[in-house]
Amino acid sequence: MPYLKLWGLTTGGWQMARAALAAAKHLSDGKDADFYRAKIATARFYADYFLPQTVALKHAIVTAGESVLALAAEQF
């Protein structure tokens, strides 16, 4: 589960970054400026609020191997 969550958060961050870059390009056009500023603000919020969770998830994935394998298959 931590790996899937890490993957989801990282992929979401990648897509949000793509959207922010596209919005920044369109922002200079002057049309729908509020919409594009909101896109950039949303991407920044995602980066500030969700992406820091990836550090803890990476740590859990890398270091929790022994505890995951501590039970034998018969114990499930």
PDB file of N, CA and C in Angstrom:
ATOM      1  N   MET A   1       0.799  -1.195   0.000  1.00  0.00           N
ATOM      2  CA  MET A   1       0.000   0.000   0.000  1.00  0.00           C
ATOM      3  C   MET A   1       0.849   1.269   0.000  1.00  0.00           C
ATOM      4  N   PRO A   2       1.927   1.353   0.774  1.00  0.00           N
ATOM      5  CA  PRO A   2       2.741   2.573   0.714  1.00  0.00           C
ATOM      6  C   PRO A   2       3.313   2.829  -0.687  1.00  0.00           C
ATOM      7  N   TYR A   3       3.696   1.752  -1.380  1.00  0.00           N
ATOM      8  CA  TYR A   3       4.239   1.930  -2.724  1.00  0.00           C
ATOM      9  C   TYR A   3       3.184   2.512  -3.666  1.00  0.00           C
ATOM     10  N   LEU A   4       1.970   2.006  -3.598  1.00  0.00           N
ATOM     11  CA  LEU A   4       0.903   2.514  -4.457  1.00  0.00           C
ATOM     12  C   LEU A   4       0.577   3.969  -4.134  1.00  0.00           C
ATOM     13  N   LYS A   5       0.571   4.311  -2.854  1.00  0.00           N
ATOM     14  CA  LYS A   5       0.301   5.695  -2.465  1.00  0.00           C
ATOM     15  C   LYS A   5       1.429   6.608  -2.949  1.00  0.00           C
ATOM     16  N   LEU A   6       2.670   6.154  -2.806  1.00  0.00           N
ATOM     17  CA  LEU A   6       3.813   6.922  -3.291  1.00  0.00           C
ATOM     18  C   LEU A   6       3.699   7.144  -4.797  1.00  0.00           C
ATOM     19  N   TRP A   7       3.370   6.094  -5.515  1.00  0.00           N
ATOM     20  CA  TRP A   7       3.208   6.188  -6.960  1.00  0.00           C
ATOM     21  C   TRP A   7       2.105   7.189  -7.315  1.00  0.00           C
ATOM     22  N   GLY A   8       0.976   7.104  -6.644  1.00  0.00           N
ATOM     23  CA  GLY A   8      -0.136   8.012  -6.910  1.00  0.00           C
ATOM     24  C   GLY A   8       0.207   9.464  -6.623  1.00  0.00           C
ATOM     25  N   LEU A   9       0.841   9.721  -5.498  1.00  0.00           N
ATOM     26  CA  LEU A   9       1.220  11.092  -5.154  1.00  0.00           C
ATOM     27  C   LEU A   9       2.239  11.655  -6.142  1.00  0.00           C
ATOM     28  N   THR A  10       3.203  10.832  -6.522  1.00  0.00           N
ATOM     29  CA  THR A  10       4.234  11.274  -7.452  1.00  0.00           C
ATOM     30  C   THR A  10       3.648  11.545  -8.832  1.00  0.00           C
ATOM     31  N   THR A  11       2.802  10.648  -9.296  1.00  0.00           N
ATOM     32  CA  THR A  11       2.167  10.832 -10.598  1.00  0.00           C
ATOM     33  C   THR A  11       1.259  12.061 -10.577  1.00  0.00           C
ATOM     34  N   GLY A  12       0.531  12.249  -9.487  1.00  0.00           N
ATOM     35  CA  GLY A  12      -0.298  13.438  -9.353  1.00  0.00           C
ATOM     36  C   GLY A  12       0.530  14.712  -9.391  1.00  0.00           C
ATOM     37  N   GLY A  13       1.668  14.696  -8.739  1.00  0.00           N
ATOM     38  CA  GLY A  13       2.565  15.851  -8.754  1.00  0.00           C
ATOM     39  C   GLY A  13       3.088  16.145 -10.147  1.00  0.00           C
ATOM     40  N   TRP A  14       3.405  15.108 -10.880  1.00  0.00           N
ATOM     41  CA  TRP A  14       3.878  15.259 -12.256  1.00  0.00           C
ATOM     42  C   TRP A  14       2.798  15.909 -13.120  1.00  0.00           C
ATOM     43  N   GLN A  15       1.561  15.424 -12.980  1.00  0.00           N
ATOM     44  CA  GLN A  15       0.463  15.982 -13.770  1.00  0.00           C
ATOM     45  C   GLN A  15       0.149  17.424 -13.352  1.00  0.00           C
ATOM     46  N   MET A  16       0.210  17.703 -12.068  1.00  0.00           N
ATOM     47  CA  MET A  16      -0.034  19.060 -11.608  1.00  0.00           C
ATOM     48  C   MET A  16       1.060  20.009 -12.119  1.00  0.00           C
ATOM     49  N   ALA A  17       2.293  19.541 -12.152  1.00  0.00           N
ATOM     50  CA  ALA A  17       3.392  20.357 -12.683  1.00  0.00           C
ATOM     51  C   ALA A  17       3.189  20.630 -14.171  1.00  0.00           C
ATOM     52  N   ARG A  18       2.751  19.631 -14.909  1.00  0.00           N
ATOM     53  CA  ARG A  18       2.464  19.822 -16.336  1.00  0.00           C
ATOM     54  C   ARG A  18       1.371  20.863 -16.530  1.00  0.00           C
ATOM     55  N   ALA A  19       0.323  20.768 -15.708  1.00  0.00           N
ATOM     56  CA  ALA A  19      -0.780  21.723 -15.805  1.00  0.00           C
ATOM     57  C   ALA A  19      -0.307  23.136 -15.464  1.00  0.00           C
ATOM     58  N   ALA A  20       0.547  23.272 -14.462  1.00  0.00           N
ATOM     59  CA  ALA A  20       1.053  24.585 -14.067  1.00  0.00           C
ATOM     60  C   ALA A  20       1.924  25.186 -15.168  1.00  0.00           C
ATOM     61  N   LEU A  21       2.737  24.364 -15.796  1.00  0.00           N
ATOM     62  CA  LEU A  21       3.570  24.871 -16.898  1.00  0.00           C
ATOM     63  C   LEU A  21       2.715  25.338 -18.067  1.00  0.00           C
ATOM     64  N   ALA A  22       1.697  24.564 -18.402  1.00  0.00           N
ATOM     65  CA  ALA A  22       0.786  24.954 -19.482  1.00  0.00           C
ATOM     66  C   ALA A  22       0.047  26.234 -19.112  1.00  0.00           C
ATOM     67  N   ALA A  23      -0.383  26.346 -17.867  1.00  0.00           N
ATOM     68  CA  ALA A  23      -1.095  27.543 -17.417  1.00  0.00           C
ATOM     69  C   ALA A  23      -0.184  28.766 -17.473  1.00  0.00           C
ATOM     70  N   ALA A  24       1.067  28.605 -17.105  1.00  0.00           N
ATOM     71  CA  ALA A  24       2.010  29.724 -17.144  1.00  0.00           C
ATOM     72  C   ALA A  24       2.198  30.227 -18.568  1.00  0.00           C
ATOM     73  N   LYS A  25       2.229  29.306 -19.526  1.00  0.00           N
ATOM     74  CA  LYS A  25       2.356  29.715 -20.930  1.00  0.00           C
ATOM     75  C   LYS A  25       1.125  30.499 -21.382  1.00  0.00           C
ATOM     76  N   HIS A  26      -0.052  30.023 -21.000  1.00  0.00           N
ATOM     77  CA  HIS A  26      -1.298  30.668 -21.417  1.00  0.00           C
ATOM     78  C   HIS A  26      -1.576  31.960 -20.644  1.00  0.00           C
ATOM     79  N   LEU A  27      -0.974  32.099 -19.493  1.00  0.00           N
ATOM     80  CA  LEU A  27      -1.203  33.284 -18.663  1.00  0.00           C
ATOM     81  C   LEU A  27      -0.761  34.559 -19.379  1.00  0.00           C
ATOM     82  N   SER A  28       0.286  34.445 -20.175  1.00  0.00           N
ATOM     83  CA  SER A  28       0.782  35.626 -20.886  1.00  0.00           C
ATOM     84  C   SER A  28      -0.164  36.084 -21.998  1.00  0.00           C
ATOM     85  N   ASP A  29      -1.106  35.234 -22.407  1.00  0.00           N
ATOM     86  CA  ASP A  29      -2.080  35.610 -23.433  1.00  0.00           C
ATOM     87  C   ASP A  29      -3.059  36.655 -22.924  1.00  0.00           C
ATOM     88  N   GLY A  30      -3.281  36.696 -21.619  1.00  0.00           N
ATOM     89  CA  GLY A  30      -4.197  37.659 -21.036  1.00  0.00           C
ATOM     90  C   GLY A  30      -5.627  37.169 -20.944  1.00  0.00           C
ATOM     91  N   LYS A  31      -5.967  36.109 -21.650  1.00  0.00           N
ATOM     92  CA  LYS A  31      -7.321  35.557 -21.593  1.00  0.00           C
ATOM     93  C   LYS A  31      -7.426  34.575 -20.439  1.00  0.00           C
ATOM     94  N   ASP A  32      -8.540  34.594 -19.745  1.00  0.00           N
ATOM     95  CA  ASP A  32      -8.807  33.660 -18.644  1.00  0.00           C
ATOM     96  C   ASP A  32      -7.695  33.649 -17.599  1.00  0.00           C
ATOM     97  N   ALA A  33      -7.156  34.813 -17.296  1.00  0.00           N
ATOM     98  CA  ALA A  33      -6.026  34.911 -16.363  1.00  0.00           C
ATOM     99  C   ALA A  33      -6.372  34.340 -14.994  1.00  0.00           C
ATOM    100  N   ASP A  34      -7.576  34.581 -14.505  1.00  0.00           N
ATOM    101  CA  ASP A  34      -7.965  34.047 -13.193  1.00  0.00           C
ATOM    102  C   ASP A  34      -7.952  32.523 -13.196  1.00  0.00           C
ATOM    103  N   PHE A  35      -8.423  31.919 -14.272  1.00  0.00           N
ATOM    104  CA  PHE A  35      -8.434  30.462 -14.391  1.00  0.00           C
ATOM    105  C   PHE A  35      -7.008  29.912 -14.338  1.00  0.00           C
ATOM    106  N   TYR A  36      -6.106  30.523 -15.098  1.00  0.00           N
ATOM    107  CA  TYR A  36      -4.730  30.018 -15.144  1.00  0.00           C
ATOM    108  C   TYR A  36      -3.983  30.279 -13.840  1.00  0.00           C
ATOM    109  N   ARG A  37      -4.261  31.388 -13.195  1.00  0.00           N
ATOM    110  CA  ARG A  37      -3.647  31.626 -11.875  1.00  0.00           C
ATOM    111  C   ARG A  37      -4.145  30.597 -10.859  1.00  0.00           C
ATOM    112  N   ALA A  38      -5.411  30.220 -10.966  1.00  0.00           N
ATOM    113  CA  ALA A  38      -5.957  29.189 -10.070  1.00  0.00           C
ATOM    114  C   ALA A  38      -5.290  27.844 -10.329  1.00  0.00           C
ATOM    115  N   LYS A  39      -5.016  27.526 -11.597  1.00  0.00           N
ATOM    116  CA  LYS A  39      -4.309  26.276 -11.923  1.00  0.00           C
ATOM    117  C   LYS A  39      -2.929  26.249 -11.272  1.00  0.00           C
ATOM    118  N   ILE A  40      -2.232  27.359 -11.370  1.00  0.00           N
ATOM    119  CA  ILE A  40      -0.886  27.439 -10.793  1.00  0.00           C
ATOM    120  C   ILE A  40      -0.952  27.362  -9.267  1.00  0.00           C
ATOM    121  N   ALA A  41      -1.919  28.031  -8.670  1.00  0.00           N
ATOM    122  CA  ALA A  41      -2.073  27.985  -7.207  1.00  0.00           C
ATOM    123  C   ALA A  41      -2.426  26.579  -6.740  1.00  0.00           C
ATOM    124  N   THR A  42      -3.250  25.878  -7.497  1.00  0.00           N
ATOM    125  CA  THR A  42      -3.620  24.507  -7.140  1.00  0.00           C
ATOM    126  C   THR A  42      -2.410  23.590  -7.197  1.00  0.00           C
ATOM    127  N   ALA A  43      -1.586  23.764  -8.216  1.00  0.00           N
ATOM    128  CA  ALA A  43      -0.368  22.951  -8.331  1.00  0.00           C
ATOM    129  C   ALA A  43       0.579  23.238  -7.177  1.00  0.00           C
ATOM    130  N   ARG A  44       0.688  24.499  -6.800  1.00  0.00           N
ATOM    131  CA  ARG A  44       1.561  24.861  -5.673  1.00  0.00           C
ATOM    132  C   ARG A  44       1.040  24.248  -4.371  1.00  0.00           C
ATOM    133  N   PHE A  45      -0.284  24.293  -4.165  1.00  0.00           N
ATOM    134  CA  PHE A  45      -0.883  23.681  -2.984  1.00  0.00           C
ATOM    135  C   PHE A  45      -0.575  22.183  -2.948  1.00  0.00           C
ATOM    136  N   TYR A  46      -0.733  21.513  -4.079  1.00  0.00           N
ATOM    137  CA  TYR A  46      -0.455  20.081  -4.150  1.00  0.00           C
ATOM    138  C   TYR A  46       1.002  19.812  -3.764  1.00  0.00           C
ATOM    139  N   ALA A  47       1.901  20.620  -4.317  1.00  0.00           N
ATOM    140  CA  ALA A  47       3.329  20.436  -4.021  1.00  0.00           C
ATOM    141  C   ALA A  47       3.633  20.694  -2.549  1.00  0.00           C
ATOM    142  N   ASP A  48       2.994  21.692  -1.973  1.00  0.00           N
ATOM    143  CA  ASP A  48       3.261  22.032  -0.569  1.00  0.00           C
ATOM    144  C   ASP A  48       2.607  21.062   0.411  1.00  0.00           C
ATOM    145  N   TYR A  49       1.415  20.570   0.076  1.00  0.00           N
ATOM    146  CA  TYR A  49       0.644  19.785   1.025  1.00  0.00           C
ATOM    147  C   TYR A  49       0.795  18.272   0.843  1.00  0.00           C
ATOM    148  N   PHE A  50       0.785  17.796  -0.382  1.00  0.00           N
ATOM    149  CA  PHE A  50       0.788  16.357  -0.634  1.00  0.00           C
ATOM    150  C   PHE A  50       2.178  15.773  -0.895  1.00  0.00           C
ATOM    151  N   LEU A  51       2.998  16.458  -1.674  1.00  0.00           N
ATOM    152  CA  LEU A  51       4.290  15.875  -2.035  1.00  0.00           C
ATOM    153  C   LEU A  51       5.229  15.622  -0.862  1.00  0.00           C
ATOM    154  N   PRO A  52       5.196  16.399   0.230  1.00  0.00           N
ATOM    155  CA  PRO A  52       6.066  16.056   1.362  1.00  0.00           C
ATOM    156  C   PRO A  52       5.782  14.663   1.956  1.00  0.00           C
ATOM    157  N   GLN A  53       4.593  14.141   1.745  1.00  0.00           N
ATOM    158  CA  GLN A  53       4.271  12.803   2.243  1.00  0.00           C
ATOM    159  C   GLN A  53       5.119  11.723   1.580  1.00  0.00           C
ATOM    160  N   THR A  54       5.639  12.022   0.397  1.00  0.00           N
ATOM    161  CA  THR A  54       6.411  11.009  -0.331  1.00  0.00           C
ATOM    162  C   THR A  54       7.701  10.631   0.398  1.00  0.00           C
ATOM    163  N   VAL A  55       8.258  11.563   1.156  1.00  0.00           N
ATOM    164  CA  VAL A  55       9.493  11.275   1.902  1.00  0.00           C
ATOM    165  C   VAL A  55       9.247  10.175   2.933  1.00  0.00           C
ATOM    166  N   ALA A  56       8.167  10.294   3.687  1.00  0.00           N
ATOM    167  CA  ALA A  56       7.840   9.284   4.699  1.00  0.00           C
ATOM    168  C   ALA A  56       7.473   7.956   4.053  1.00  0.00           C
ATOM    169  N   LEU A  57       6.755   8.007   2.952  1.00  0.00           N
ATOM    170  CA  LEU A  57       6.387   6.762   2.261  1.00  0.00           C
ATOM    171  C   LEU A  57       7.621   6.044   1.739  1.00  0.00           C
ATOM    172  N   LYS A  58       8.561   6.789   1.177  1.00  0.00           N
ATOM    173  CA  LYS A  58       9.808   6.186   0.702  1.00  0.00           C
ATOM    174  C   LYS A  58      10.543   5.515   1.867  1.00  0.00           C
ATOM    175  N   HIS A  59      10.587   6.199   2.984  1.00  0.00           N
ATOM    176  CA  HIS A  59      11.255   5.634   4.156  1.00  0.00           C
ATOM    177  C   HIS A  59      10.577   4.331   4.589  1.00  0.00           C
ATOM    178  N   ALA A  60       9.260   4.320   4.619  1.00  0.00           N
ATOM    179  CA  ALA A  60       8.528   3.104   5.011  1.00  0.00           C
ATOM    180  C   ALA A  60       8.787   1.971   4.037  1.00  0.00           C
ATOM    181  N   ILE A  61       8.831   2.279   2.764  1.00  0.00           N
ATOM    182  CA  ILE A  61       9.059   1.248   1.748  1.00  0.00           C
ATOM    183  C   ILE A  61      10.456   0.657   1.877  1.00  0.00           C
ATOM    184  N   VAL A  62      11.439   1.518   2.065  1.00  0.00           N
ATOM    185  CA  VAL A  62      12.832   1.071   2.098  1.00  0.00           C
ATOM    186  C   VAL A  62      13.178   0.341   3.393  1.00  0.00           C
ATOM    187  N   THR A  63      12.615   0.762   4.516  1.00  0.00           N
ATOM    188  CA  THR A  63      13.060   0.215   5.803  1.00  0.00           C
ATOM    189  C   THR A  63      12.115  -0.800   6.435  1.00  0.00           C
ATOM    190  N   ALA A  64      10.904  -0.961   5.927  1.00  0.00           N
ATOM    191  CA  ALA A  64       9.932  -1.816   6.608  1.00  0.00           C
ATOM    192  C   ALA A  64       9.935  -3.260   6.118  1.00  0.00           C
ATOM    193  N   GLY A  65      10.904  -3.641   5.344  1.00  0.00           N
ATOM    194  CA  GLY A  65      10.939  -4.986   4.782  1.00  0.00           C
ATOM    195  C   GLY A  65      10.895  -6.096   5.813  1.00  0.00           C
ATOM    196  N   GLU A  66      11.653  -5.957   6.878  1.00  0.00           N
ATOM    197  CA  GLU A  66      11.685  -7.016   7.894  1.00  0.00           C
ATOM    198  C   GLU A  66      10.339  -7.192   8.574  1.00  0.00           C
ATOM    199  N   SER A  67       9.681  -6.108   8.898  1.00  0.00           N
ATOM    200  CA  SER A  67       8.392  -6.228   9.595  1.00  0.00           C
ATOM    201  C   SER A  67       7.312  -6.773   8.679  1.00  0.00           C
ATOM    202  N   VAL A  68       7.407  -6.482   7.391  1.00  0.00           N
ATOM    203  CA  VAL A  68       6.429  -7.023   6.443  1.00  0.00           C
ATOM    204  C   VAL A  68       6.566  -8.537   6.330  1.00  0.00           C
ATOM    205  N   LEU A  69       7.791  -9.012   6.389  1.00  0.00           N
ATOM    206  CA  LEU A  69       8.061 -10.435   6.206  1.00  0.00           C
ATOM    207  C   LEU A  69       8.162 -11.200   7.529  1.00  0.00           C
ATOM    208  N   ALA A  70       7.836 -10.562   8.657  1.00  0.00           N
ATOM    209  CA  ALA A  70       7.987 -11.194   9.958  1.00  0.00           C
ATOM    210  C   ALA A  70       7.017 -12.354  10.176  1.00  0.00           C
ATOM    211  N   LEU A  71       5.861 -12.328   9.539  1.00  0.00           N
ATOM    212  CA  LEU A  71       4.874 -13.398   9.713  1.00  0.00           C
ATOM    213  C   LEU A  71       5.026 -14.443   8.606  1.00  0.00           C
ATOM    214  N   ALA A  72       4.861 -15.684   8.990  1.00  0.00           N
ATOM    215  CA  ALA A  72       4.850 -16.754   8.015  1.00  0.00           C
ATOM    216  C   ALA A  72       3.501 -16.754   7.294  1.00  0.00           C
ATOM    217  N   ALA A  73       3.443 -17.337   6.122  1.00  0.00           N
ATOM    218  CA  ALA A  73       2.215 -17.369   5.333  1.00  0.00           C
ATOM    219  C   ALA A  73       1.066 -18.017   6.111  1.00  0.00           C
ATOM    220  N   GLU A  74       1.372 -19.001   6.952  1.00  0.00           N
ATOM    221  CA  GLU A  74       0.339 -19.690   7.721  1.00  0.00           C
ATOM    222  C   GLU A  74      -0.290 -18.802   8.782  1.00  0.00           C
ATOM    223  N   GLN A  75       0.367 -17.739   9.146  1.00  0.00           N
ATOM    224  CA  GLN A  75      -0.124 -16.859  10.198  1.00  0.00           C
ATOM    225  C   GLN A  75      -1.140 -15.832   9.686  1.00  0.00           C
ATOM    226  N   PHE A  76      -1.363 -15.804   8.423  1.00  0.00           N
ATOM    227  CA  PHE A  76      -2.343 -14.848   7.870  1.00  0.00           C
ATOM    228  C   PHE A  76      -3.726 -15.393   7.952  1.00  0.00           C
TER     229      PHE A  76
END
